[in-house]
């Protein structure tokens, strides 16, 4: 998983993508970022929860309630998934055993995954699940293409508030940083970050929803993180969004500088 506190200055301690919205993260060693884009293949696919308004010919941002997602469908967290970036074959495992495999670029491959989801998530569905995608589209919660960043020092501060361990992956970030002060990132709006060989501009604080209450390993809804933040600070913000302004490679262990 991720490292503990960093003594050699602020560093990247975790890189992740979420190839299918609502499904499990994939840890990366490095990524090549492009101006105005997110992590390659991040939220490249989503699973419609019954009919939605998504049009692959003319894709646009839609609310996450159109799709299966952890805020409402915590059972998704009990699945482990991996998308091969070259073949787009998705493998779904449960308790370490593969339970479904399909090429998301083909109709039959999508149908295999859809049939598994239809059976596994039957109690959550409003209609037949459908895997959707469009070239270049990301099913992020934000309309803008961006990266989600979390400061591990803030995670540790939150643990002290809750008096329980808090798994960092509850926050489903692309980049986890360490070596900063707790909550410092909430003051970075409109500032640029130099991360590895890339630069990005912070433009929004992340308003947390009830998805963070779900344990990312067990699927148990066992915390009240947004409510704790609201009660303590008067807001539910945790983490930040940033847009890539200069392309470059970012790797685990890279230094981070706030401009």
Protein backbone atom coordinates (compact mmCIF):
# COMPACT_ATOMS: atom_id res chain seq x y z
CA UNK A 1 0.00 0.00 0.00
CA UNK A 2 1.18 3.52 0.69
CA UNK A 3 4.18 4.60 2.69
CA UNK A 4 4.05 6.42 6.02
CA UNK A 5 5.38 9.87 6.80
CA UNK A 6 8.03 11.29 4.47
CA UNK A 7 11.19 12.74 5.98
CA UNK A 8 12.95 13.88 2.80
CA UNK A 9 10.42 16.52 1.81
CA UNK A 10 6.99 16.32 0.18
CA UNK A 11 6.64 13.31 -2.09
CA UNK A 12 4.18 11.29 -4.15
CA UNK A 13 3.44 8.16 -2.14
CA UNK A 14 0.62 6.66 -4.21
CA UNK A 15 -0.67 6.78 -7.80
CA UNK A 16 -4.01 5.28 -8.80
CA UNK A 17 -6.51 5.06 -11.60
CA UNK A 18 -10.12 3.89 -11.53
CA UNK A 19 -10.70 2.46 -14.99
CA UNK A 20 -14.38 1.72 -14.33
CA UNK A 21 -16.30 4.26 -12.27
CA UNK A 22 -17.29 2.82 -8.91
CA UNK A 23 -15.01 -0.21 -9.13
CA UNK A 24 -11.69 -0.80 -7.39
CA UNK A 25 -8.48 1.23 -7.88
CA UNK A 26 -5.38 0.08 -9.73
CA UNK A 27 -2.05 1.17 -8.27
CA UNK A 28 0.45 2.58 -10.78
CA UNK A 29 4.21 3.05 -10.59
CA UNK A 30 4.17 6.04 -12.94
CA UNK A 31 1.92 7.94 -15.33
CA UNK A 32 2.48 10.28 -18.26
CA UNK A 33 0.19 13.28 -17.90
CA UNK A 34 -1.08 15.42 -20.77
CA UNK A 35 -2.28 19.02 -20.53
CA UNK A 36 -6.02 19.18 -19.94
CA UNK A 37 -6.35 15.43 -19.38
CA UNK A 38 -6.65 13.11 -16.39
CA UNK A 39 -4.67 9.95 -15.61
CA UNK A 40 -4.86 7.76 -18.75
CA UNK A 41 -7.95 5.51 -18.63
CA UNK A 42 -9.19 7.01 -15.38
CA UNK A 43 -12.98 6.57 -15.25
CA UNK A 44 -12.86 5.60 -18.94
CA UNK A 45 -15.86 3.33 -18.40
CA UNK A 46 -18.99 3.48 -16.27
CA UNK A 47 -21.91 1.14 -15.62
CA UNK A 48 -25.33 2.64 -16.20
CA UNK A 49 -27.81 1.81 -13.46
CA UNK A 50 -30.76 1.34 -15.77
CA UNK A 51 -31.39 3.70 -18.72
CA UNK A 52 -29.55 7.02 -18.57
CA UNK A 53 -29.04 10.00 -20.83
CA UNK A 54 -25.45 9.19 -21.78
CA UNK A 55 -24.87 9.41 -25.53
CA UNK A 56 -21.51 7.96 -26.70
CA UNK A 57 -21.80 9.89 -29.97
CA UNK A 58 -22.15 13.19 -28.12
CA UNK A 59 -20.78 12.52 -24.61
CA UNK A 60 -21.30 15.00 -21.81
CA UNK A 61 -20.88 15.03 -18.07
CA UNK A 62 -23.75 13.45 -16.15
CA UNK A 63 -24.40 13.21 -12.39
CA UNK A 64 -22.92 10.10 -10.79
CA UNK A 65 -26.41 8.98 -9.77
CA UNK A 66 -26.87 7.75 -13.35
CA UNK A 67 -24.25 5.06 -12.73
CA UNK A 68 -23.35 2.38 -10.22
CA UNK A 69 -21.18 4.05 -7.58
CA UNK A 70 -19.99 3.56 -4.00
CA UNK A 71 -22.06 6.39 -2.49
CA UNK A 72 -25.14 4.20 -2.89
CA UNK A 73 -23.86 0.78 -4.01
CA UNK A 74 -21.30 -0.21 -1.37
CA UNK A 75 -21.37 -3.88 -2.42
CA UNK A 76 -19.13 -2.86 -5.34
CA UNK A 77 -16.26 -2.52 -2.86
CA UNK A 78 -16.20 -6.29 -2.34
CA UNK A 79 -15.01 -6.75 -5.94
CA UNK A 80 -11.39 -6.43 -7.09
CA UNK A 81 -10.97 -5.34 -10.70
CA UNK A 82 -8.17 -4.82 -13.18
CA UNK A 83 -8.34 -3.42 -16.72
CA UNK A 84 -5.51 -4.33 -19.09
CA UNK A 85 -4.59 -0.96 -20.69
CA UNK A 86 -3.60 -2.59 -24.00
CA UNK A 87 -6.45 -5.06 -24.54
CA UNK A 88 -9.15 -3.41 -22.38
CA UNK A 89 -9.94 -6.81 -20.89
CA UNK A 90 -11.56 -6.31 -17.48
CA UNK A 91 -11.04 -9.04 -14.89
CA UNK A 92 -13.34 -9.03 -11.86
CA UNK A 93 -12.35 -11.06 -8.79
CA UNK A 94 -14.05 -11.70 -5.49
CA UNK A 95 -12.16 -12.93 -2.43
CA UNK A 96 -9.12 -13.46 -4.66
CA UNK A 97 -10.92 -15.63 -7.24
CA UNK A 98 -11.73 -14.44 -10.80
CA UNK A 99 -15.49 -14.37 -11.34
CA UNK A 100 -15.85 -12.54 -14.68
CA UNK A 101 -13.65 -11.53 -17.61
CA UNK A 102 -14.56 -9.53 -20.71
CA UNK A 103 -13.10 -7.26 -23.39
CA UNK A 104 -14.85 -3.92 -22.89
CA UNK A 105 -14.15 -2.95 -26.50
CA UNK A 106 -16.42 -5.72 -27.79
CA UNK A 107 -20.15 -6.26 -27.45
CA UNK A 108 -19.79 -9.84 -26.20
CA UNK A 109 -17.12 -8.80 -23.69
CA UNK A 110 -19.34 -6.06 -22.28
CA UNK A 111 -22.29 -8.45 -22.12
CA UNK A 112 -20.28 -10.93 -20.03
CA UNK A 113 -19.48 -8.21 -17.48
CA UNK A 114 -23.03 -6.81 -17.60
CA UNK A 115 -24.51 -10.25 -16.91
CA UNK A 116 -22.27 -10.69 -13.87
CA UNK A 117 -23.14 -7.21 -12.55
CA UNK A 118 -26.86 -7.83 -13.17
CA UNK A 119 -26.74 -10.88 -10.91
CA UNK A 120 -24.32 -9.55 -8.30
CA UNK A 121 -25.92 -6.12 -7.91
CA UNK A 122 -29.53 -7.16 -8.49
CA UNK A 123 -30.81 -5.41 -5.34
CA UNK A 124 -29.32 -2.06 -6.43
CA UNK A 125 -30.40 -1.92 -10.05
CA UNK A 126 -33.14 0.23 -11.55
CA UNK A 127 -32.87 -1.64 -14.85
CA UNK A 128 -30.37 -3.68 -16.88
CA UNK A 129 -26.78 -2.50 -16.26
CA UNK A 130 -24.94 -1.26 -19.32
CA UNK A 131 -21.24 -0.51 -19.71
CA UNK A 132 -20.75 2.83 -21.45
CA UNK A 133 -17.76 4.75 -22.78
CA UNK A 134 -16.75 7.28 -25.42
CA UNK A 135 -13.31 8.09 -26.84
CA UNK A 136 -11.59 10.64 -24.62
CA UNK A 137 -14.45 10.86 -22.12
CA UNK A 138 -13.92 10.48 -18.36
CA UNK A 139 -16.80 9.66 -16.00
CA UNK A 140 -15.34 11.73 -13.18
CA UNK A 141 -17.57 13.39 -10.62
CA UNK A 142 -16.18 16.66 -12.01
CA UNK A 143 -17.08 17.93 -15.47
CA UNK A 144 -13.52 19.19 -15.98
CA UNK A 145 -10.80 16.66 -16.74
CA UNK A 146 -8.57 16.71 -13.70
CA UNK A 147 -6.74 14.75 -11.04
CA UNK A 148 -7.91 14.18 -7.51
CA UNK A 149 -5.21 14.69 -4.85
CA UNK A 150 -5.20 13.74 -1.15
CA UNK A 151 -2.71 14.69 1.56
CA UNK A 152 -1.91 11.73 3.86
CA UNK A 153 -1.16 14.10 6.75
CA UNK A 154 -4.82 15.12 6.60
CA UNK A 155 -5.84 11.46 6.64
CA UNK A 156 -3.83 10.99 9.84
CA UNK A 157 -5.42 14.11 11.34
CA UNK A 158 -8.85 12.73 10.49
CA UNK A 159 -7.95 9.47 12.22
CA UNK A 160 -7.33 11.44 15.41
CA UNK A 161 -10.76 13.05 15.11
CA UNK A 162 -12.55 9.76 14.48
CA UNK A 163 -10.29 7.79 16.83
CA UNK A 164 -10.10 4.96 14.30
CA UNK A 165 -7.82 4.02 11.39
CA UNK A 166 -8.99 5.55 8.09
CA UNK A 167 -8.00 3.72 4.92
CA UNK A 168 -6.68 6.37 2.47
CA UNK A 169 -8.39 4.64 -0.47
CA UNK A 170 -11.76 5.66 0.97
CA UNK A 171 -11.07 8.96 -0.83
CA UNK A 172 -10.45 7.41 -4.28
CA UNK A 173 -7.70 9.87 -5.20
CA UNK A 174 -5.36 9.67 -8.19
CA UNK A 175 -2.37 11.06 -6.29
CA UNK A 176 -1.57 10.68 -2.60
CA UNK A 177 1.02 13.08 -1.17
CA UNK A 178 2.94 13.09 2.08
CA UNK A 179 5.36 15.48 3.78
CA UNK A 180 2.95 18.43 4.08
CA UNK A 181 1.11 19.77 7.10
CA UNK A 182 -2.41 18.48 7.79
CA UNK A 183 -5.14 20.39 5.91
CA UNK A 184 -2.53 22.54 4.12
CA UNK A 185 -3.86 21.45 0.72
CA UNK A 186 -7.20 23.19 1.33
CA UNK A 187 -5.36 26.53 0.98
CA UNK A 188 -3.84 25.73 -2.43
CA UNK A 189 -6.71 27.04 -4.59
CA UNK A 190 -5.39 28.79 -7.72
CA UNK A 191 -1.82 27.71 -6.91
CA UNK A 192 0.30 25.43 -9.07
CA UNK A 193 1.91 22.17 -8.02
CA UNK A 194 5.09 20.85 -9.55
CA UNK A 195 4.82 17.08 -9.24
CA UNK A 196 7.62 15.08 -10.83
CA UNK A 197 7.99 16.46 -14.35
CA UNK A 198 4.42 17.79 -14.59
CA UNK A 199 2.65 20.90 -13.37
CA UNK A 200 -0.97 21.28 -12.38
CA UNK A 201 -3.22 24.04 -11.06
CA UNK A 202 -5.53 23.48 -8.11
CA UNK A 203 -9.04 24.73 -8.88
CA UNK A 204 -11.46 23.09 -6.45
CA UNK A 205 -11.72 21.51 -3.02
CA UNK A 206 -13.32 18.05 -2.91
CA UNK A 207 -16.71 18.00 -1.23
CA UNK A 208 -17.05 14.54 0.26
CA UNK A 209 -20.10 12.33 -0.11
CA UNK A 210 -21.15 9.17 1.71
CA UNK A 211 -18.91 7.02 -0.52
CA UNK A 212 -16.11 7.76 1.97
CA UNK A 213 -18.12 5.99 4.67
CA UNK A 214 -17.59 2.67 2.85
CA UNK A 215 -14.59 0.50 3.75
CA UNK A 216 -12.78 -0.01 0.40
CA UNK A 217 -11.80 -3.57 1.31
CA UNK A 218 -14.91 -5.00 3.00
CA UNK A 219 -17.73 -2.89 1.57
CA UNK A 220 -18.98 -2.16 5.10
CA UNK A 221 -20.59 1.24 5.60
CA UNK A 222 -18.88 1.84 8.92
CA UNK A 223 -17.99 5.54 9.27
CA UNK A 224 -19.55 8.99 9.04
CA UNK A 225 -16.71 10.98 7.49
CA UNK A 226 -18.64 13.85 5.80
CA UNK A 227 -20.71 14.34 8.96
CA UNK A 228 -17.55 14.39 11.11
CA UNK A 229 -15.92 16.98 8.83
CA UNK A 230 -19.06 19.12 8.80
CA UNK A 231 -19.45 18.97 12.57
CA UNK A 232 -15.76 19.78 13.19
CA UNK A 233 -14.95 22.33 10.49
CA UNK A 234 -18.30 23.53 9.15
CA UNK A 235 -17.64 21.94 5.74
CA UNK A 236 -17.17 18.46 4.27
CA UNK A 237 -14.12 19.24 2.09
CA UNK A 238 -11.31 16.71 1.99
CA UNK A 239 -8.79 16.67 -0.89
CA UNK A 240 -8.41 18.85 -3.97
CA UNK A 241 -8.85 18.76 -7.74
CA UNK A 242 -6.11 20.01 -10.08
CA UNK A 243 -5.86 20.45 -13.87
CA UNK A 244 -2.65 19.54 -15.69
CA UNK A 245 -1.01 22.70 -17.07
CA UNK A 246 2.33 21.24 -18.21
CA UNK A 247 2.73 17.68 -19.45
CA UNK A 248 5.18 15.28 -17.90
CA UNK A 249 5.85 12.01 -16.16
CA UNK A 250 4.87 11.50 -12.52
CA UNK A 251 6.14 8.52 -10.54
CA UNK A 252 5.83 7.21 -6.99
CA UNK A 253 8.55 8.87 -4.91
CA UNK A 254 8.68 12.06 -7.01
CA UNK A 255 9.09 15.36 -5.21
CA UNK A 256 6.21 17.84 -4.90
CA UNK A 257 6.48 21.61 -4.74
CA UNK A 258 3.76 24.22 -4.27
CA UNK A 259 4.37 27.31 -6.44
